[in-house]
Amino acid sequence: MEPTETALIVAVPETERAVGRFRSTLDTAAGWGVPAHVTVLYPFLPPDRIDDDVLVALDRIFEATPQFDISFTEVRWFGDTVVWLSPQPDDGLRLLTAAVWRRFPEAPPYAGAHADVVPHLTVGHDAPKHVLAEAAEAVADHLPIRATVDTVRLIAGSPAPRSWHTLREFRLGAEGPPQR
């Protein structure tokens, strides 16, 4: 199946041990082949708009952004329907989203559906609350989880099983200031 959408994500393989079994049944994106991640920008441009000019612009944005560290220290909820991990600090992720959106204003995060774009790693959604609560409790036992954000992936796919794949991986610029 031809890709119908693209996204920019920060894959966080360090979380797979904690969230993988829950995402496989509770997060639709996992079934599409999207790894555990924090979204930088979704939806991004349509696949037929991804050309050399777009790739060069993304390279410049990400090369100008220093690498940074995050920790997932708590499980949170959006209402009663989405359970997620909170990356802290989240300012580096917010800056990545803002930088891409500023360069590509025709691609607002989540198609403009949310006034505040909250960086998060989805564990599960749209399942009975008790099922999500059990997942939240089990995942919390694995926290904290630390990760270095040093790459952003451009991925493409459609709402079909295993359809999403990486088009390009961008390295962030030099290492940031020492973490205390």
N, C-alpha and C. Protein backbone atom coordinates (compact mmCIF):
# COMPACT_ATOMS: atom_id res chain seq x y z
N MET A 1 0.84 -1.18 0.00
CA MET A 1 0.00 0.00 0.00
C MET A 1 0.89 1.24 0.00
N GLU A 2 0.57 2.19 -0.85
CA GLU A 2 1.33 3.45 -0.94
C GLU A 2 1.10 4.29 0.32
N PRO A 3 2.16 4.95 0.82
CA PRO A 3 2.00 5.83 1.97
C PRO A 3 1.02 6.98 1.65
N THR A 4 0.23 7.33 2.64
CA THR A 4 -0.70 8.44 2.51
C THR A 4 -0.37 9.59 3.45
N GLU A 5 0.53 9.35 4.40
CA GLU A 5 0.89 10.35 5.41
C GLU A 5 2.36 10.26 5.74
N THR A 6 2.88 11.34 6.33
CA THR A 6 4.22 11.32 6.89
C THR A 6 4.18 11.91 8.29
N ALA A 7 5.23 11.64 9.05
CA ALA A 7 5.36 12.17 10.40
C ALA A 7 6.84 12.31 10.71
N LEU A 8 7.15 13.18 11.65
CA LEU A 8 8.50 13.30 12.19
C LEU A 8 8.42 12.85 13.65
N ILE A 9 9.25 11.87 14.01
CA ILE A 9 9.20 11.31 15.35
C ILE A 9 10.60 11.17 15.94
N VAL A 10 10.65 11.10 17.26
CA VAL A 10 11.84 10.69 17.99
C VAL A 10 11.54 9.29 18.50
N ALA A 11 12.17 8.29 17.90
CA ALA A 11 11.99 6.92 18.38
C ALA A 11 12.72 6.79 19.71
N VAL A 12 12.10 6.04 20.64
CA VAL A 12 12.68 5.88 21.97
C VAL A 12 12.73 4.37 22.28
N PRO A 13 13.73 3.68 21.69
CA PRO A 13 13.81 2.23 21.91
C PRO A 13 14.01 1.85 23.37
N GLU A 14 14.56 2.77 24.15
CA GLU A 14 14.78 2.50 25.58
C GLU A 14 13.47 2.20 26.32
N THR A 15 12.34 2.61 25.76
CA THR A 15 11.05 2.40 26.43
C THR A 15 10.37 1.10 26.01
N GLU A 16 10.86 0.46 24.96
CA GLU A 16 10.17 -0.72 24.42
C GLU A 16 9.95 -1.82 25.45
N ARG A 17 10.93 -2.06 26.31
CA ARG A 17 10.78 -3.12 27.31
C ARG A 17 9.60 -2.84 28.23
N ALA A 18 9.38 -1.58 28.54
CA ALA A 18 8.29 -1.20 29.44
C ALA A 18 6.95 -1.11 28.74
N VAL A 19 6.92 -0.57 27.52
CA VAL A 19 5.64 -0.27 26.86
C VAL A 19 5.28 -1.18 25.70
N GLY A 20 6.23 -1.94 25.18
CA GLY A 20 6.02 -2.71 23.96
C GLY A 20 4.82 -3.64 24.00
N ARG A 21 4.68 -4.42 25.05
CA ARG A 21 3.57 -5.39 25.09
C ARG A 21 2.22 -4.69 25.18
N PHE A 22 2.18 -3.52 25.81
CA PHE A 22 0.92 -2.78 25.91
C PHE A 22 0.61 -2.05 24.60
N ARG A 23 1.63 -1.44 24.01
CA ARG A 23 1.41 -0.74 22.74
C ARG A 23 0.93 -1.71 21.66
N SER A 24 1.40 -2.94 21.70
CA SER A 24 1.03 -3.89 20.65
C SER A 24 -0.48 -4.15 20.60
N THR A 25 -1.16 -3.99 21.72
CA THR A 25 -2.61 -4.20 21.75
C THR A 25 -3.41 -2.93 22.02
N LEU A 26 -2.76 -1.89 22.56
CA LEU A 26 -3.50 -0.70 22.98
C LEU A 26 -3.18 0.57 22.18
N ASP A 27 -2.23 0.51 21.26
CA ASP A 27 -1.88 1.69 20.47
C ASP A 27 -1.93 1.31 18.99
N THR A 28 -2.89 1.86 18.29
CA THR A 28 -3.08 1.57 16.87
C THR A 28 -1.80 1.75 16.07
N ALA A 29 -1.04 2.80 16.38
CA ALA A 29 0.18 3.10 15.63
C ALA A 29 1.19 1.96 15.70
N ALA A 30 1.23 1.24 16.82
CA ALA A 30 2.16 0.11 16.94
C ALA A 30 1.84 -0.95 15.88
N GLY A 31 0.57 -1.21 15.65
CA GLY A 31 0.16 -2.17 14.62
C GLY A 31 0.51 -1.72 13.21
N TRP A 32 0.60 -0.41 13.04
CA TRP A 32 0.99 0.13 11.73
C TRP A 32 2.49 0.02 11.50
N GLY A 33 3.24 -0.32 12.58
CA GLY A 33 4.69 -0.44 12.47
C GLY A 33 5.45 0.75 13.01
N VAL A 34 4.76 1.66 13.70
CA VAL A 34 5.42 2.84 14.27
C VAL A 34 6.01 2.44 15.63
N PRO A 35 7.32 2.67 15.84
CA PRO A 35 7.94 2.29 17.11
C PRO A 35 7.49 3.21 18.25
N ALA A 36 7.83 2.84 19.47
CA ALA A 36 7.60 3.71 20.62
C ALA A 36 8.33 5.02 20.34
N HIS A 37 7.60 6.13 20.51
CA HIS A 37 8.15 7.41 20.06
C HIS A 37 7.48 8.59 20.74
N VAL A 38 8.12 9.73 20.59
CA VAL A 38 7.52 11.03 20.89
C VAL A 38 7.38 11.73 19.54
N THR A 39 6.19 12.21 19.24
CA THR A 39 5.94 12.87 17.96
C THR A 39 6.56 14.26 17.96
N VAL A 40 7.27 14.58 16.90
CA VAL A 40 7.74 15.94 16.66
C VAL A 40 6.67 16.69 15.87
N LEU A 41 6.20 16.08 14.77
CA LEU A 41 5.14 16.71 13.98
C LEU A 41 4.36 15.66 13.19
N TYR A 42 3.06 15.63 13.45
CA TYR A 42 2.14 14.75 12.72
C TYR A 42 0.82 15.48 12.58
N PRO A 43 0.20 15.42 11.42
CA PRO A 43 0.77 14.92 10.17
C PRO A 43 1.76 15.94 9.60
N PHE A 44 2.79 15.42 8.95
CA PHE A 44 3.73 16.31 8.27
C PHE A 44 3.21 16.47 6.84
N LEU A 45 4.06 16.68 5.89
CA LEU A 45 3.64 16.91 4.51
C LEU A 45 3.17 15.61 3.85
N PRO A 46 2.30 15.70 2.86
CA PRO A 46 1.93 14.50 2.12
C PRO A 46 3.18 13.88 1.48
N PRO A 47 3.21 12.56 1.33
CA PRO A 47 4.40 11.90 0.79
C PRO A 47 4.88 12.46 -0.54
N ASP A 48 3.96 12.87 -1.42
CA ASP A 48 4.39 13.39 -2.73
C ASP A 48 5.02 14.78 -2.64
N ARG A 49 4.96 15.40 -1.46
CA ARG A 49 5.61 16.70 -1.26
C ARG A 49 7.01 16.57 -0.67
N ILE A 50 7.40 15.37 -0.30
CA ILE A 50 8.74 15.17 0.26
C ILE A 50 9.73 15.11 -0.90
N ASP A 51 10.53 16.18 -1.02
CA ASP A 51 11.52 16.25 -2.08
C ASP A 51 12.85 16.71 -1.49
N ASP A 52 13.84 16.93 -2.35
CA ASP A 52 15.17 17.32 -1.87
C ASP A 52 15.13 18.63 -1.09
N ASP A 53 14.31 19.59 -1.51
CA ASP A 53 14.23 20.87 -0.80
C ASP A 53 13.72 20.67 0.62
N VAL A 54 12.72 19.83 0.79
CA VAL A 54 12.18 19.55 2.13
C VAL A 54 13.25 18.85 2.98
N LEU A 55 13.93 17.87 2.41
CA LEU A 55 14.95 17.14 3.15
C LEU A 55 16.10 18.05 3.58
N VAL A 56 16.51 18.96 2.70
CA VAL A 56 17.57 19.92 3.04
C VAL A 56 17.10 20.85 4.16
N ALA A 57 15.88 21.31 4.08
CA ALA A 57 15.34 22.19 5.13
C ALA A 57 15.31 21.46 6.48
N LEU A 58 14.88 20.21 6.47
CA LEU A 58 14.85 19.44 7.72
C LEU A 58 16.26 19.21 8.24
N ASP A 59 17.19 18.87 7.35
CA ASP A 59 18.60 18.71 7.75
C ASP A 59 19.09 19.95 8.49
N ARG A 60 18.81 21.11 7.94
CA ARG A 60 19.28 22.37 8.55
C ARG A 60 18.65 22.60 9.92
N ILE A 61 17.35 22.34 10.03
CA ILE A 61 16.68 22.50 11.33
C ILE A 61 17.32 21.60 12.37
N PHE A 62 17.49 20.33 12.03
CA PHE A 62 17.97 19.38 13.02
C PHE A 62 19.46 19.52 13.30
N GLU A 63 20.25 19.90 12.29
CA GLU A 63 21.67 20.14 12.53
C GLU A 63 21.88 21.33 13.47
N ALA A 64 20.95 22.27 13.46
CA ALA A 64 21.06 23.46 14.31
C ALA A 64 20.56 23.19 15.75
N THR A 65 20.04 22.01 15.99
CA THR A 65 19.49 21.66 17.30
C THR A 65 20.44 20.73 18.02
N PRO A 66 20.91 21.11 19.21
CA PRO A 66 21.80 20.22 19.96
C PRO A 66 21.07 18.97 20.46
N GLN A 67 21.82 17.90 20.62
CA GLN A 67 21.29 16.70 21.26
C GLN A 67 20.91 17.04 22.70
N PHE A 68 19.98 16.28 23.27
CA PHE A 68 19.60 16.51 24.66
C PHE A 68 19.09 15.22 25.28
N ASP A 69 19.07 15.21 26.59
CA ASP A 69 18.61 14.04 27.33
C ASP A 69 17.22 14.27 27.87
N ILE A 70 16.45 13.18 27.95
CA ILE A 70 15.13 13.21 28.57
C ILE A 70 15.00 12.02 29.51
N SER A 71 14.07 12.13 30.42
CA SER A 71 13.72 11.03 31.31
C SER A 71 12.21 10.89 31.34
N PHE A 72 11.77 9.66 31.33
CA PHE A 72 10.35 9.37 31.51
C PHE A 72 10.20 8.95 32.97
N THR A 73 9.58 9.81 33.77
CA THR A 73 9.50 9.56 35.20
C THR A 73 8.09 9.34 35.72
N GLU A 74 7.09 9.63 34.87
CA GLU A 74 5.72 9.41 35.33
C GLU A 74 4.78 9.09 34.18
N VAL A 75 3.73 8.37 34.57
CA VAL A 75 2.65 8.02 33.65
C VAL A 75 1.57 9.08 33.82
N ARG A 76 1.02 9.56 32.71
CA ARG A 76 -0.05 10.56 32.75
C ARG A 76 -1.20 10.11 31.86
N TRP A 77 -2.27 10.90 31.91
CA TRP A 77 -3.49 10.61 31.16
C TRP A 77 -3.97 11.84 30.42
N PHE A 78 -4.52 11.64 29.24
CA PHE A 78 -5.35 12.63 28.57
C PHE A 78 -6.77 12.13 28.79
N GLY A 79 -7.49 12.80 29.68
CA GLY A 79 -8.83 12.34 30.02
C GLY A 79 -8.78 10.93 30.58
N ASP A 80 -9.76 10.12 30.22
CA ASP A 80 -9.80 8.71 30.63
C ASP A 80 -9.48 7.78 29.48
N THR A 81 -9.02 8.35 28.36
CA THR A 81 -8.91 7.51 27.16
C THR A 81 -7.49 7.30 26.63
N VAL A 82 -6.52 8.08 27.11
CA VAL A 82 -5.14 7.93 26.61
C VAL A 82 -4.19 7.92 27.80
N VAL A 83 -3.38 6.88 27.88
CA VAL A 83 -2.34 6.80 28.91
C VAL A 83 -0.99 6.97 28.21
N TRP A 84 -0.11 7.78 28.83
CA TRP A 84 1.14 8.12 28.16
C TRP A 84 2.26 8.38 29.16
N LEU A 85 3.49 8.35 28.65
CA LEU A 85 4.67 8.69 29.44
C LEU A 85 5.06 10.12 29.15
N SER A 86 5.43 10.82 30.22
CA SER A 86 5.80 12.22 30.13
C SER A 86 7.32 12.37 30.05
N PRO A 87 7.85 12.88 28.93
CA PRO A 87 9.30 13.11 28.85
C PRO A 87 9.66 14.42 29.54
N GLN A 88 10.69 14.37 30.39
CA GLN A 88 11.12 15.57 31.10
C GLN A 88 12.63 15.72 30.99
N PRO A 89 13.13 16.91 30.83
CA PRO A 89 12.35 18.09 30.48
C PRO A 89 11.80 17.94 29.06
N ASP A 90 10.71 18.65 28.78
CA ASP A 90 10.10 18.52 27.46
C ASP A 90 10.38 19.71 26.55
N ASP A 91 11.16 20.69 27.04
CA ASP A 91 11.39 21.90 26.24
C ASP A 91 12.15 21.62 24.94
N GLY A 92 13.09 20.68 24.93
CA GLY A 92 13.80 20.35 23.70
C GLY A 92 12.87 19.78 22.64
N LEU A 93 11.93 18.95 23.07
CA LEU A 93 10.95 18.38 22.13
C LEU A 93 10.00 19.46 21.62
N ARG A 94 9.59 20.36 22.51
CA ARG A 94 8.71 21.46 22.09
C ARG A 94 9.42 22.36 21.08
N LEU A 95 10.73 22.59 21.30
CA LEU A 95 11.50 23.42 20.38
C LEU A 95 11.62 22.76 19.00
N LEU A 96 11.80 21.44 18.98
CA LEU A 96 11.85 20.74 17.69
C LEU A 96 10.54 20.92 16.92
N THR A 97 9.42 20.73 17.62
CA THR A 97 8.12 20.89 16.98
C THR A 97 7.95 22.30 16.46
N ALA A 98 8.28 23.28 17.28
CA ALA A 98 8.12 24.69 16.89
C ALA A 98 9.00 25.03 15.69
N ALA A 99 10.23 24.53 15.66
CA ALA A 99 11.14 24.84 14.56
C ALA A 99 10.64 24.27 13.23
N VAL A 100 10.15 23.03 13.26
CA VAL A 100 9.64 22.43 12.02
C VAL A 100 8.36 23.13 11.58
N TRP A 101 7.48 23.40 12.52
CA TRP A 101 6.21 24.05 12.20
C TRP A 101 6.43 25.46 11.65
N ARG A 102 7.43 26.16 12.23
CA ARG A 102 7.74 27.51 11.75
C ARG A 102 8.18 27.46 10.29
N ARG A 103 8.97 26.45 9.93
CA ARG A 103 9.47 26.32 8.56
C ARG A 103 8.40 25.79 7.60
N PHE A 104 7.48 24.97 8.15
CA PHE A 104 6.42 24.37 7.34
C PHE A 104 5.05 24.70 7.97
N PRO A 105 4.63 25.96 7.88
CA PRO A 105 3.38 26.38 8.55
C PRO A 105 2.13 25.70 8.00
N GLU A 106 2.24 25.12 6.83
CA GLU A 106 1.10 24.40 6.26
C GLU A 106 0.88 23.04 6.93
N ALA A 107 1.75 22.67 7.86
CA ALA A 107 1.66 21.38 8.56
C ALA A 107 1.61 21.59 10.07
N PRO A 108 0.51 22.16 10.59
CA PRO A 108 0.44 22.37 12.04
C PRO A 108 0.35 21.03 12.77
N PRO A 109 0.93 20.95 13.98
CA PRO A 109 0.86 19.71 14.75
C PRO A 109 -0.58 19.24 14.94
N TYR A 110 -0.78 17.95 14.73
CA TYR A 110 -2.11 17.33 14.88
C TYR A 110 -3.18 18.08 14.11
N ALA A 111 -2.78 18.62 12.95
CA ALA A 111 -3.68 19.36 12.05
C ALA A 111 -4.38 20.51 12.77
N GLY A 112 -3.71 21.07 13.79
CA GLY A 112 -4.25 22.22 14.51
C GLY A 112 -5.30 21.88 15.55
N ALA A 113 -5.44 20.60 15.89
CA ALA A 113 -6.51 20.17 16.81
C ALA A 113 -6.28 20.56 18.26
N HIS A 114 -5.03 20.87 18.64
CA HIS A 114 -4.73 21.15 20.05
C HIS A 114 -4.00 22.48 20.18
N ALA A 115 -4.44 23.30 21.12
CA ALA A 115 -3.79 24.60 21.35
C ALA A 115 -2.39 24.42 21.93
N ASP A 116 -2.23 23.45 22.81
CA ASP A 116 -0.93 23.17 23.42
C ASP A 116 -0.52 21.76 22.99
N VAL A 117 0.58 21.66 22.28
CA VAL A 117 1.07 20.35 21.84
C VAL A 117 1.97 19.81 22.95
N VAL A 118 1.50 18.77 23.61
CA VAL A 118 2.19 18.19 24.76
C VAL A 118 3.04 17.01 24.30
N PRO A 119 4.37 17.11 24.42
CA PRO A 119 5.20 15.96 24.07
C PRO A 119 4.83 14.76 24.95
N HIS A 120 4.67 13.60 24.31
CA HIS A 120 4.28 12.41 25.07
C HIS A 120 4.62 11.15 24.28
N LEU A 121 4.71 10.04 25.00
CA LEU A 121 4.90 8.74 24.41
C LEU A 121 3.66 7.92 24.76
N THR A 122 2.85 7.62 23.77
CA THR A 122 1.59 6.92 24.01
C THR A 122 1.84 5.47 24.39
N VAL A 123 1.19 5.05 25.48
CA VAL A 123 1.20 3.65 25.91
C VAL A 123 -0.03 2.95 25.33
N GLY A 124 -1.19 3.62 25.43
CA GLY A 124 -2.42 3.04 24.92
C GLY A 124 -3.54 4.05 24.89
N HIS A 125 -4.57 3.72 24.13
CA HIS A 125 -5.70 4.63 23.99
C HIS A 125 -6.96 3.89 23.59
N ASP A 126 -8.08 4.52 23.88
CA ASP A 126 -9.39 4.06 23.43
C ASP A 126 -9.68 2.60 23.77
N ALA A 127 -9.32 2.22 24.98
CA ALA A 127 -9.64 0.90 25.51
C ALA A 127 -10.38 1.12 26.82
N PRO A 128 -10.99 0.09 27.38
CA PRO A 128 -11.64 0.27 28.68
C PRO A 128 -10.66 0.85 29.70
N LYS A 129 -11.17 1.74 30.54
CA LYS A 129 -10.29 2.44 31.48
C LYS A 129 -9.52 1.47 32.38
N HIS A 130 -10.16 0.40 32.82
CA HIS A 130 -9.45 -0.54 33.70
C HIS A 130 -8.28 -1.22 32.98
N VAL A 131 -8.40 -1.43 31.69
CA VAL A 131 -7.31 -2.03 30.91
C VAL A 131 -6.15 -1.03 30.80
N LEU A 132 -6.48 0.21 30.51
CA LEU A 132 -5.44 1.25 30.43
C LEU A 132 -4.79 1.47 31.79
N ALA A 133 -5.59 1.43 32.87
CA ALA A 133 -5.05 1.62 34.22
C ALA A 133 -4.08 0.49 34.59
N GLU A 134 -4.39 -0.74 34.20
CA GLU A 134 -3.48 -1.86 34.45
C GLU A 134 -2.17 -1.65 33.69
N ALA A 135 -2.26 -1.20 32.46
CA ALA A 135 -1.05 -0.92 31.67
C ALA A 135 -0.24 0.20 32.33
N ALA A 136 -0.93 1.24 32.76
CA ALA A 136 -0.25 2.37 33.41
C ALA A 136 0.51 1.92 34.65
N GLU A 137 -0.12 1.09 35.44
CA GLU A 137 0.51 0.60 36.67
C GLU A 137 1.74 -0.26 36.36
N ALA A 138 1.61 -1.14 35.39
CA ALA A 138 2.73 -2.01 35.02
C ALA A 138 3.90 -1.20 34.44
N VAL A 139 3.59 -0.23 33.61
CA VAL A 139 4.65 0.59 33.00
C VAL A 139 5.34 1.43 34.07
N ALA A 140 4.59 1.95 35.03
CA ALA A 140 5.17 2.80 36.09
C ALA A 140 6.26 2.06 36.86
N ASP A 141 6.14 0.74 36.96
CA ASP A 141 7.15 -0.04 37.67
C ASP A 141 8.52 0.00 36.98
N HIS A 142 8.56 0.38 35.71
CA HIS A 142 9.82 0.42 34.94
C HIS A 142 10.47 1.80 34.95
N LEU A 143 9.81 2.78 35.54
CA LEU A 143 10.31 4.15 35.50
C LEU A 143 11.30 4.40 36.62
N PRO A 144 12.26 5.30 36.45
CA PRO A 144 12.46 6.17 35.29
C PRO A 144 13.18 5.46 34.15
N ILE A 145 12.96 5.98 32.95
CA ILE A 145 13.66 5.52 31.75
C ILE A 145 14.34 6.75 31.16
N ARG A 146 15.63 6.64 30.93
CA ARG A 146 16.40 7.76 30.39
C ARG A 146 16.76 7.49 28.93
N ALA A 147 16.82 8.58 28.15
CA ALA A 147 17.17 8.46 26.73
C ALA A 147 17.86 9.74 26.27
N THR A 148 18.68 9.61 25.25
CA THR A 148 19.28 10.77 24.60
C THR A 148 18.56 10.98 23.28
N VAL A 149 18.13 12.20 23.05
CA VAL A 149 17.49 12.56 21.79
C VAL A 149 18.60 13.07 20.87
N ASP A 150 18.97 12.23 19.89
CA ASP A 150 20.04 12.61 18.98
C ASP A 150 19.66 12.43 17.51
N THR A 151 18.45 11.89 17.26
CA THR A 151 17.98 11.74 15.89
C THR A 151 16.47 11.99 15.82
N VAL A 152 16.03 12.38 14.66
CA VAL A 152 14.61 12.51 14.34
C VAL A 152 14.39 11.71 13.06
N ARG A 153 13.31 10.93 13.04
CA ARG A 153 12.98 10.12 11.86
C ARG A 153 11.82 10.74 11.10
N LEU A 154 11.97 10.74 9.79
CA LEU A 154 10.86 11.05 8.89
C LEU A 154 10.30 9.70 8.48
N ILE A 155 9.04 9.45 8.84
CA ILE A 155 8.41 8.17 8.52
C ILE A 155 7.19 8.40 7.63
N ALA A 156 6.81 7.37 6.91
CA ALA A 156 5.66 7.46 6.02
C ALA A 156 4.88 6.16 6.08
N GLY A 157 3.57 6.27 5.89
CA GLY A 157 2.75 5.07 5.88
C GLY A 157 1.29 5.42 5.69
N SER A 158 0.45 4.46 6.02
CA SER A 158 -0.99 4.62 5.91
C SER A 158 -1.62 3.85 7.07
N PRO A 159 -2.94 4.03 7.29
CA PRO A 159 -3.57 3.29 8.37
C PRO A 159 -3.81 1.83 7.99
N ALA A 160 -2.70 1.11 7.80
CA ALA A 160 -2.76 -0.31 7.45
C ALA A 160 -1.65 -1.02 8.22
N PRO A 161 -1.84 -2.28 8.55
CA PRO A 161 -0.83 -3.02 9.32
C PRO A 161 0.55 -2.96 8.67
N ARG A 162 1.53 -2.68 9.51
CA ARG A 162 2.95 -2.68 9.13
C ARG A 162 3.28 -1.83 7.92
N SER A 163 2.53 -0.77 7.69
CA SER A 163 2.75 0.05 6.49
C SER A 163 3.75 1.18 6.71
N TRP A 164 4.02 1.57 7.95
CA TRP A 164 4.91 2.71 8.20
C TRP A 164 6.37 2.28 8.16
N HIS A 165 7.20 3.13 7.55
CA HIS A 165 8.62 2.86 7.44
C HIS A 165 9.40 4.18 7.47
N THR A 166 10.67 4.07 7.76
CA THR A 166 11.54 5.26 7.83
C THR A 166 11.97 5.67 6.43
N LEU A 167 11.73 6.94 6.11
CA LEU A 167 12.23 7.51 4.85
C LEU A 167 13.63 8.06 5.02
N ARG A 168 13.85 8.67 6.18
CA ARG A 168 15.15 9.32 6.42
C ARG A 168 15.32 9.54 7.90
N GLU A 169 16.54 9.44 8.37
CA GLU A 169 16.87 9.73 9.76
C GLU A 169 17.80 10.93 9.77
N PHE A 170 17.50 11.91 10.61
CA PHE A 170 18.28 13.14 10.71
C PHE A 170 18.98 13.17 12.06
N ARG A 171 20.26 13.46 12.03
CA ARG A 171 21.02 13.60 13.29
C ARG A 171 20.88 15.02 13.80
N LEU A 172 20.70 15.11 15.09
CA LEU A 172 20.73 16.44 15.70
C LEU A 172 22.17 16.90 15.75
N GLY A 173 22.33 18.22 15.93
CA GLY A 173 23.66 18.81 15.93
C GLY A 173 24.52 18.32 17.08
N ALA A 174 25.56 19.07 17.35
CA ALA A 174 26.53 18.70 18.37
C ALA A 174 25.86 18.44 19.71
N GLU A 175 26.58 17.74 20.54
CA GLU A 175 26.07 17.49 21.88
C GLU A 175 25.80 18.81 22.58
N GLY A 176 24.73 18.83 23.33
CA GLY A 176 24.35 20.02 24.07
C GLY A 176 25.21 20.21 25.29
N PRO A 177 24.82 21.13 26.16
CA PRO A 177 25.59 21.37 27.39
C PRO A 177 25.58 20.13 28.27
N PRO A 178 26.60 19.98 29.10
CA PRO A 178 26.64 18.82 29.98
C PRO A 178 25.39 18.76 30.86
N GLN A 179 24.87 17.55 31.04
CA GLN A 179 23.69 17.34 31.89
C GLN A 179 24.15 17.20 33.32
N ARG A 180 23.42 17.80 34.24
CA ARG A 180 23.78 17.68 35.67
C ARG A 180 22.95 16.65 36.33
